[in-house]
Structure formats: structure tokens, C-alpha cells
């Protein structure tokens, strides 16, 4: 079992890394949905 003091910075780093990726994916999905909505 790892100490929480080690785990917390790791989680923070993971979230900081994934945050922008998730933002880009969300934006892309939003654009695709708008694109589809025009043709439905």
C-alpha cells in the first residue's frame, strides 16, 4: 500500500495530463454532434 502522500501528486499529475486531452475529445465530439444535427 502506497502512502497517500505519494498517491496524491501522482493523481494530480494524471489529471493535469488527461485534462487537456479530455477537453479536446469533448470539443471534437461536440463538433461531430453539431455536424450530424445539421444533416438529421
Protein backbone atom coordinates (compact mmCIF):
# COMPACT_ATOMS: atom_id res chain seq x y z
CA UNK A 1 0.00 0.00 0.00
CA UNK A 2 1.47 3.30 -1.08
CA UNK A 3 1.29 6.28 1.23
CA UNK A 4 -1.33 8.85 0.28
CA UNK A 5 1.41 11.49 0.13
CA UNK A 6 2.83 9.65 -2.90
CA UNK A 7 -0.53 8.87 -4.49
CA UNK A 8 -1.96 12.39 -4.40
CA UNK A 9 0.73 14.08 -6.52
CA UNK A 10 0.51 11.16 -8.95
CA UNK A 11 -3.25 11.63 -9.33
CA UNK A 12 -2.75 15.37 -9.72
CA UNK A 13 -0.23 14.74 -12.49
CA UNK A 14 -2.54 12.25 -14.21
CA UNK A 15 -5.47 14.68 -14.09
CA UNK A 16 -3.31 17.55 -15.39
CA UNK A 17 -2.15 15.33 -18.25
CA UNK A 18 -5.60 13.99 -19.14
CA UNK A 19 -7.49 17.25 -18.65
CA UNK A 20 -6.47 18.88 -21.96
CA UNK A 21 -6.95 15.57 -23.80
CA UNK A 22 -10.49 15.26 -22.44
CA UNK A 23 -11.18 18.88 -23.40
CA UNK A 24 -10.06 18.19 -26.98
CA UNK A 25 -12.15 15.00 -27.16
CA UNK A 26 -15.18 16.84 -25.80
CA UNK A 27 -14.77 19.65 -28.33
CA UNK A 28 -14.41 17.14 -31.17
CA UNK A 29 -17.49 15.23 -30.03
CA UNK A 30 -19.44 18.47 -29.75
CA UNK A 31 -18.45 19.44 -33.31
CA UNK A 32 -19.42 15.99 -34.64
CA UNK A 33 -22.81 16.17 -32.91
CA UNK A 34 -23.48 19.63 -34.37
CA UNK A 35 -22.41 18.37 -37.80
CA UNK A 36 -24.78 15.39 -37.50
CA UNK A 37 -27.63 17.57 -36.25
CA UNK A 38 -27.47 19.62 -39.46
CA UNK A 39 -27.97 16.52 -41.62
CA UNK A 40 -30.66 14.84 -39.49
